[in-house]
Amino acid sequence: MKVKSVFAFVSAVCVFFLTTSFLSAESESRGSPSAYFPTDQYEFDQTLEGNDVRHDLVVQNKGNALLEVKGVGTA
């Protein structure tokens, strides 16, 4: 359950960061990036506390300008 909460938080932060940080006037004049996530959630299997759990989060740029991910983190 704790892992699901962490993943949901990371996903929300990614979506918020990617949709709000690229709305500058400069990027609008050259086009704009558009972050696309093929899947909006992932269900982790149960695991014992302390084990490493990994999942690759796929992000595609469907826009016409460079998409930069400057940071991702968890709380």
PDB file of N, CA and C in Angstrom:
ATOM      1  N   MET A   1       0.824  -1.196   0.000  1.00  0.00           N
ATOM      2  CA  MET A   1       0.000   0.000   0.000  1.00  0.00           C
ATOM      3  C   MET A   1       0.866   1.257   0.000  1.00  0.00           C
ATOM      4  N   LYS A   2       1.971   1.234   0.758  1.00  0.00           N
ATOM      5  CA  LYS A   2       2.847   2.385   0.846  1.00  0.00           C
ATOM      6  C   LYS A   2       3.497   2.677  -0.507  1.00  0.00           C
ATOM      7  N   VAL A   3       3.874   1.629  -1.240  1.00  0.00           N
ATOM      8  CA  VAL A   3       4.502   1.793  -2.550  1.00  0.00           C
ATOM      9  C   VAL A   3       3.525   2.429  -3.528  1.00  0.00           C
ATOM     10  N   LYS A   4       2.263   2.045  -3.485  1.00  0.00           N
ATOM     11  CA  LYS A   4       1.252   2.635  -4.373  1.00  0.00           C
ATOM     12  C   LYS A   4       1.120   4.131  -4.109  1.00  0.00           C
ATOM     13  N   SER A   5       1.157   4.517  -2.843  1.00  0.00           N
ATOM     14  CA  SER A   5       1.037   5.930  -2.491  1.00  0.00           C
ATOM     15  C   SER A   5       2.233   6.724  -3.005  1.00  0.00           C
ATOM     16  N   VAL A   6       3.428   6.154  -2.878  1.00  0.00           N
ATOM     17  CA  VAL A   6       4.631   6.824  -3.369  1.00  0.00           C
ATOM     18  C   VAL A   6       4.553   6.989  -4.877  1.00  0.00           C
ATOM     19  N   PHE A   7       4.153   5.942  -5.597  1.00  0.00           N
ATOM     20  CA  PHE A   7       4.060   6.022  -7.061  1.00  0.00           C
ATOM     21  C   PHE A   7       3.004   7.043  -7.476  1.00  0.00           C
ATOM     22  N   ALA A   8       1.879   7.064  -6.815  1.00  0.00           N
ATOM     23  CA  ALA A   8       0.835   8.035  -7.148  1.00  0.00           C
ATOM     24  C   ALA A   8       1.345   9.457  -6.940  1.00  0.00           C
ATOM     25  N   PHE A   9       2.086   9.680  -5.866  1.00  0.00           N
ATOM     26  CA  PHE A   9       2.633  10.999  -5.593  1.00  0.00           C
ATOM     27  C   PHE A   9       3.645  11.398  -6.663  1.00  0.00           C
ATOM     28  N   VAL A  10       4.560  10.487  -7.013  1.00  0.00           N
ATOM     29  CA  VAL A  10       5.565  10.771  -8.037  1.00  0.00           C
ATOM     30  C   VAL A  10       4.893  11.072  -9.366  1.00  0.00           C
ATOM     31  N   SER A  11       3.878  10.304  -9.729  1.00  0.00           N
ATOM     32  CA  SER A  11       3.159  10.540 -10.979  1.00  0.00           C
ATOM     33  C   SER A  11       2.509  11.914 -10.989  1.00  0.00           C
ATOM     34  N   ALA A  12       1.877  12.272  -9.886  1.00  0.00           N
ATOM     35  CA  ALA A  12       1.216  13.579  -9.802  1.00  0.00           C
ATOM     36  C   ALA A  12       2.230  14.712  -9.913  1.00  0.00           C
ATOM     37  N   VAL A  13       3.377  14.564  -9.259  1.00  0.00           N
ATOM     38  CA  VAL A  13       4.416  15.589  -9.329  1.00  0.00           C
ATOM     39  C   VAL A  13       4.931  15.727 -10.754  1.00  0.00           C
ATOM     40  N   CYS A  14       5.154  14.588 -11.426  1.00  0.00           N
ATOM     41  CA  CYS A  14       5.637  14.621 -12.811  1.00  0.00           C
ATOM     42  C   CYS A  14       4.659  15.339 -13.720  1.00  0.00           C
ATOM     43  N   VAL A  15       3.397  14.979 -13.626  1.00  0.00           N
ATOM     44  CA  VAL A  15       2.380  15.602 -14.477  1.00  0.00           C
ATOM     45  C   VAL A  15       2.298  17.094 -14.191  1.00  0.00           C
ATOM     46  N   PHE A  16       2.274  17.482 -12.926  1.00  0.00           N
ATOM     47  CA  PHE A  16       2.202  18.899 -12.568  1.00  0.00           C
ATOM     48  C   PHE A  16       3.415  19.647 -13.096  1.00  0.00           C
ATOM     49  N   PHE A  17       4.602  19.097 -12.857  1.00  0.00           N
ATOM     50  CA  PHE A  17       5.826  19.759 -13.287  1.00  0.00           C
ATOM     51  C   PHE A  17       5.877  19.914 -14.799  1.00  0.00           C
ATOM     52  N   LEU A  18       5.547  18.871 -15.504  1.00  0.00           N
ATOM     53  CA  LEU A  18       5.651  18.901 -16.964  1.00  0.00           C
ATOM     54  C   LEU A  18       4.604  19.802 -17.612  1.00  0.00           C
ATOM     55  N   THR A  19       3.447  19.941 -17.004  1.00  0.00           N
ATOM     56  CA  THR A  19       2.409  20.765 -17.624  1.00  0.00           C
ATOM     57  C   THR A  19       2.526  22.236 -17.257  1.00  0.00           C
ATOM     58  N   THR A  20       3.196  22.557 -16.144  1.00  0.00           N
ATOM     59  CA  THR A  20       3.257  23.960 -15.735  1.00  0.00           C
ATOM     60  C   THR A  20       4.566  24.657 -16.066  1.00  0.00           C
ATOM     61  N   SER A  21       5.653  23.921 -16.187  1.00  0.00           N
ATOM     62  CA  SER A  21       6.950  24.582 -16.344  1.00  0.00           C
ATOM     63  C   SER A  21       7.278  24.960 -17.777  1.00  0.00           C
ATOM     64  N   PHE A  22       6.484  24.560 -18.742  1.00  0.00           N
ATOM     65  CA  PHE A  22       6.814  24.839 -20.134  1.00  0.00           C
ATOM     66  C   PHE A  22       5.863  25.836 -20.786  1.00  0.00           C
ATOM     67  N   LEU A  23       5.253  26.693 -20.012  1.00  0.00           N
ATOM     68  CA  LEU A  23       4.290  27.640 -20.567  1.00  0.00           C
ATOM     69  C   LEU A  23       4.890  29.035 -20.756  1.00  0.00           C
ATOM     70  N   SER A  24       6.171  29.109 -20.987  1.00  0.00           N
ATOM     71  CA  SER A  24       6.809  30.415 -21.151  1.00  0.00           C
ATOM     72  C   SER A  24       6.530  30.970 -22.556  1.00  0.00           C
ATOM     73  N   ALA A  25       6.684  32.263 -22.691  1.00  0.00           N
ATOM     74  CA  ALA A  25       6.448  32.921 -23.983  1.00  0.00           C
ATOM     75  C   ALA A  25       7.449  32.449 -25.027  1.00  0.00           C
ATOM     76  N   GLU A  26       8.678  32.179 -24.624  1.00  0.00           N
ATOM     77  CA  GLU A  26       9.689  31.735 -25.581  1.00  0.00           C
ATOM     78  C   GLU A  26       9.318  30.399 -26.213  1.00  0.00           C
ATOM     79  N   SER A  27       8.855  29.456 -25.405  1.00  0.00           N
ATOM     80  CA  SER A  27       8.513  28.151 -25.970  1.00  0.00           C
ATOM     81  C   SER A  27       7.249  28.223 -26.826  1.00  0.00           C
ATOM     82  N   GLU A  28       6.359  29.165 -26.523  1.00  0.00           N
ATOM     83  CA  GLU A  28       5.155  29.316 -27.335  1.00  0.00           C
ATOM     84  C   GLU A  28       5.491  29.821 -28.727  1.00  0.00           C
ATOM     85  N   SER A  29       6.496  30.688 -28.839  1.00  0.00           N
ATOM     86  CA  SER A  29       6.846  31.229 -30.151  1.00  0.00           C
ATOM     87  C   SER A  29       7.528  30.188 -31.029  1.00  0.00           C
ATOM     88  N   ARG A  30       8.178  29.191 -30.440  1.00  0.00           N
ATOM     89  CA  ARG A  30       8.847  28.146 -31.208  1.00  0.00           C
ATOM     90  C   ARG A  30       8.050  26.857 -31.230  1.00  0.00           C
ATOM     91  N   GLY A  31       6.898  26.822 -30.678  1.00  0.00           N
ATOM     92  CA  GLY A  31       6.135  25.599 -30.491  1.00  0.00           C
ATOM     93  C   GLY A  31       6.174  25.246 -29.015  1.00  0.00           C
ATOM     94  N   SER A  32       5.624  24.134 -28.673  1.00  0.00           N
ATOM     95  CA  SER A  32       5.657  23.758 -27.268  1.00  0.00           C
ATOM     96  C   SER A  32       5.739  22.238 -27.135  1.00  0.00           C
ATOM     97  N   PRO A  33       6.364  21.787 -26.061  1.00  0.00           N
ATOM     98  CA  PRO A  33       6.400  20.351 -25.798  1.00  0.00           C
ATOM     99  C   PRO A  33       5.055  19.886 -25.273  1.00  0.00           C
ATOM    100  N   SER A  34       4.803  18.625 -25.390  1.00  0.00           N
ATOM    101  CA  SER A  34       3.571  18.054 -24.868  1.00  0.00           C
ATOM    102  C   SER A  34       3.887  16.683 -24.284  1.00  0.00           C
ATOM    103  N   ALA A  35       3.919  16.608 -22.960  1.00  0.00           N
ATOM    104  CA  ALA A  35       4.234  15.347 -22.290  1.00  0.00           C
ATOM    105  C   ALA A  35       3.057  14.388 -22.427  1.00  0.00           C
ATOM    106  N   TYR A  36       3.372  13.167 -22.811  1.00  0.00           N
ATOM    107  CA  TYR A  36       2.354  12.133 -22.970  1.00  0.00           C
ATOM    108  C   TYR A  36       2.800  10.895 -22.202  1.00  0.00           C
ATOM    109  N   PHE A  37       1.916  10.392 -21.355  1.00  0.00           N
ATOM    110  CA  PHE A  37       2.171   9.178 -20.588  1.00  0.00           C
ATOM    111  C   PHE A  37       1.261   8.079 -21.138  1.00  0.00           C
ATOM    112  N   PRO A  38       1.828   7.043 -21.801  1.00  0.00           N
ATOM    113  CA  PRO A  38       0.995   5.976 -22.372  1.00  0.00           C
ATOM    114  C   PRO A  38       0.108   5.290 -21.333  1.00  0.00           C
ATOM    115  N   THR A  39       0.576   5.179 -20.107  1.00  0.00           N
ATOM    116  CA  THR A  39      -0.245   4.636 -19.018  1.00  0.00           C
ATOM    117  C   THR A  39      -0.232   5.637 -17.881  1.00  0.00           C
ATOM    118  N   ASP A  40      -1.381   5.843 -17.262  1.00  0.00           N
ATOM    119  CA  ASP A  40      -1.455   6.838 -16.195  1.00  0.00           C
ATOM    120  C   ASP A  40      -1.324   6.244 -14.795  1.00  0.00           C
ATOM    121  N   GLN A  41      -1.172   4.931 -14.716  1.00  0.00           N
ATOM    122  CA  GLN A  41      -0.965   4.318 -13.412  1.00  0.00           C
ATOM    123  C   GLN A  41      -0.296   2.969 -13.575  1.00  0.00           C
ATOM    124  N   TYR A  42       0.291   2.485 -12.485  1.00  0.00           N
ATOM    125  CA  TYR A  42       0.947   1.182 -12.483  1.00  0.00           C
ATOM    126  C   TYR A  42       0.697   0.550 -11.122  1.00  0.00           C
ATOM    127  N   GLU A  43       0.288  -0.681 -11.119  1.00  0.00           N
ATOM    128  CA  GLU A  43       0.021  -1.414  -9.879  1.00  0.00           C
ATOM    129  C   GLU A  43       1.232  -2.271  -9.526  1.00  0.00           C
ATOM    130  N   PHE A  44       1.924  -1.918  -8.461  1.00  0.00           N
ATOM    131  CA  PHE A  44       3.049  -2.715  -8.003  1.00  0.00           C
ATOM    132  C   PHE A  44       2.547  -3.975  -7.320  1.00  0.00           C
ATOM    133  N   ASP A  45       3.295  -5.065  -7.488  1.00  0.00           N
ATOM    134  CA  ASP A  45       2.986  -6.289  -6.759  1.00  0.00           C
ATOM    135  C   ASP A  45       3.375  -6.101  -5.297  1.00  0.00           C
ATOM    136  N   GLN A  46       2.830  -6.933  -4.431  1.00  0.00           N
ATOM    137  CA  GLN A  46       3.191  -6.867  -3.023  1.00  0.00           C
ATOM    138  C   GLN A  46       4.643  -7.284  -2.852  1.00  0.00           C
ATOM    139  N   THR A  47       5.314  -6.657  -1.900  1.00  0.00           N
ATOM    140  CA  THR A  47       6.701  -6.972  -1.618  1.00  0.00           C
ATOM    141  C   THR A  47       6.970  -6.742  -0.141  1.00  0.00           C
ATOM    142  N   LEU A  48       8.051  -7.275   0.328  1.00  0.00           N
ATOM    143  CA  LEU A  48       8.432  -7.082   1.719  1.00  0.00           C
ATOM    144  C   LEU A  48       9.050  -5.700   1.888  1.00  0.00           C
ATOM    145  N   GLU A  49       8.814  -5.094   3.021  1.00  0.00           N
ATOM    146  CA  GLU A  49       9.364  -3.779   3.295  1.00  0.00           C
ATOM    147  C   GLU A  49      10.888  -3.845   3.248  1.00  0.00           C
ATOM    148  N   GLY A  50      11.491  -2.856   2.620  1.00  0.00           N
ATOM    149  CA  GLY A  50      12.936  -2.805   2.510  1.00  0.00           C
ATOM    150  C   GLY A  50      13.457  -3.280   1.162  1.00  0.00           C
ATOM    151  N   ASN A  51      12.656  -4.011   0.395  1.00  0.00           N
ATOM    152  CA  ASN A  51      13.069  -4.466  -0.930  1.00  0.00           C
ATOM    153  C   ASN A  51      13.026  -3.317  -1.921  1.00  0.00           C
ATOM    154  N   ASP A  52      13.947  -3.323  -2.883  1.00  0.00           N
ATOM    155  CA  ASP A  52      13.908  -2.334  -3.961  1.00  0.00           C
ATOM    156  C   ASP A  52      12.794  -2.699  -4.930  1.00  0.00           C
ATOM    157  N   VAL A  53      12.010  -1.720  -5.303  1.00  0.00           N
ATOM    158  CA  VAL A  53      10.941  -1.902  -6.288  1.00  0.00           C
ATOM    159  C   VAL A  53      11.173  -0.871  -7.374  1.00  0.00           C
ATOM    160  N   ARG A  54      11.230  -1.316  -8.620  1.00  0.00           N
ATOM    161  CA  ARG A  54      11.519  -0.402  -9.727  1.00  0.00           C
ATOM    162  C   ARG A  54      10.481  -0.553 -10.831  1.00  0.00           C
ATOM    163  N   HIS A  55      10.228   0.572 -11.490  1.00  0.00           N
ATOM    164  CA  HIS A  55       9.339   0.575 -12.653  1.00  0.00           C
ATOM    165  C   HIS A  55       9.763   1.728 -13.548  1.00  0.00           C
ATOM    166  N   ASP A  56       9.903   1.463 -14.827  1.00  0.00           N
ATOM    167  CA  ASP A  56      10.233   2.511 -15.784  1.00  0.00           C
ATOM    168  C   ASP A  56       8.963   3.262 -16.165  1.00  0.00           C
ATOM    169  N   LEU A  57       8.952   4.552 -15.921  1.00  0.00           N
ATOM    170  CA  LEU A  57       7.830   5.403 -16.276  1.00  0.00           C
ATOM    171  C   LEU A  57       8.117   6.001 -17.650  1.00  0.00           C
ATOM    172  N   VAL A  58       7.315   5.657 -18.636  1.00  0.00           N
ATOM    173  CA  VAL A  58       7.536   6.109 -20.011  1.00  0.00           C
ATOM    174  C   VAL A  58       6.873   7.469 -20.210  1.00  0.00           C
ATOM    175  N   VAL A  59       7.657   8.414 -20.727  1.00  0.00           N
ATOM    176  CA  VAL A  59       7.154   9.749 -21.055  1.00  0.00           C
ATOM    177  C   VAL A  59       7.534  10.020 -22.505  1.00  0.00           C
ATOM    178  N   GLN A  60       6.562  10.390 -23.317  1.00  0.00           N
ATOM    179  CA  GLN A  60       6.815  10.715 -24.713  1.00  0.00           C
ATOM    180  C   GLN A  60       6.515  12.191 -24.959  1.00  0.00           C
ATOM    181  N   ASN A  61       7.271  12.796 -25.843  1.00  0.00           N
ATOM    182  CA  ASN A  61       7.021  14.177 -26.226  1.00  0.00           C
ATOM    183  C   ASN A  61       6.208  14.181 -27.512  1.00  0.00           C
ATOM    184  N   LYS A  62       4.947  14.560 -27.432  1.00  0.00           N
ATOM    185  CA  LYS A  62       4.078  14.622 -28.610  1.00  0.00           C
ATOM    186  C   LYS A  62       3.995  16.044 -29.163  1.00  0.00           C
ATOM    187  N   GLY A  63       4.806  16.949 -28.604  1.00  0.00           N
ATOM    188  CA  GLY A  63       4.809  18.332 -29.071  1.00  0.00           C
ATOM    189  C   GLY A  63       5.851  18.565 -30.136  1.00  0.00           C
ATOM    190  N   ASN A  64       6.080  19.833 -30.462  1.00  0.00           N
ATOM    191  CA  ASN A  64       7.033  20.191 -31.505  1.00  0.00           C
ATOM    192  C   ASN A  64       8.178  21.045 -30.982  1.00  0.00           C
ATOM    193  N   ALA A  65       8.469  20.945 -29.688  1.00  0.00           N
ATOM    194  CA  ALA A  65       9.614  21.614 -29.083  1.00  0.00           C
ATOM    195  C   ALA A  65      10.240  20.645 -28.082  1.00  0.00           C
ATOM    196  N   LEU A  66      11.451  20.935 -27.683  1.00  0.00           N
ATOM    197  CA  LEU A  66      12.185  20.076 -26.777  1.00  0.00           C
ATOM    198  C   LEU A  66      11.480  19.955 -25.426  1.00  0.00           C
ATOM    199  N   LEU A  67      11.290  18.729 -24.970  1.00  0.00           N
ATOM    200  CA  LEU A  67      10.716  18.462 -23.655  1.00  0.00           C
ATOM    201  C   LEU A  67      11.847  18.148 -22.699  1.00  0.00           C
ATOM    202  N   GLU A  68      12.014  18.974 -21.676  1.00  0.00           N
ATOM    203  CA  GLU A  68      13.074  18.781 -20.694  1.00  0.00           C
ATOM    204  C   GLU A  68      12.470  18.393 -19.357  1.00  0.00           C
ATOM    205  N   VAL A  69      12.926  17.273 -18.808  1.00  0.00           N
ATOM    206  CA  VAL A  69      12.554  16.882 -17.456  1.00  0.00           C
ATOM    207  C   VAL A  69      13.715  17.271 -16.585  1.00  0.00           C
ATOM    208  N   LYS A  70      13.521  18.251 -15.733  1.00  0.00           N
ATOM    209  CA  LYS A  70      14.620  18.797 -14.944  1.00  0.00           C
ATOM    210  C   LYS A  70      14.744  18.171 -13.578  1.00  0.00           C
ATOM    211  N   GLY A  71      13.766  17.393 -13.163  1.00  0.00           N
ATOM    212  CA  GLY A  71      13.882  16.746 -11.868  1.00  0.00           C
ATOM    213  C   GLY A  71      12.634  15.978 -11.507  1.00  0.00           C
ATOM    214  N   VAL A  72      12.842  14.878 -10.817  1.00  0.00           N
ATOM    215  CA  VAL A  72      11.749  14.058 -10.322  1.00  0.00           C
ATOM    216  C   VAL A  72      12.153  13.588  -8.936  1.00  0.00           C
ATOM    217  N   GLY A  73      11.224  13.550  -8.029  1.00  0.00           N
ATOM    218  CA  GLY A  73      11.554  13.106  -6.681  1.00  0.00           C
ATOM    219  C   GLY A  73      10.342  12.578  -5.939  1.00  0.00           C
ATOM    220  N   THR A  74      10.603  12.090  -4.765  1.00  0.00           N
ATOM    221  CA  THR A  74       9.539  11.605  -3.888  1.00  0.00           C
ATOM    222  C   THR A  74       9.632  12.334  -2.564  1.00  0.00           C
ATOM    223  N   ALA A  75       8.569  12.257  -1.821  1.00  0.00           N
ATOM    224  CA  ALA A  75       8.571  12.907  -0.495  1.00  0.00           C
ATOM    225  C   ALA A  75       8.912  11.903   0.568  1.00  0.00           C
TER     226      ALA A  75
END
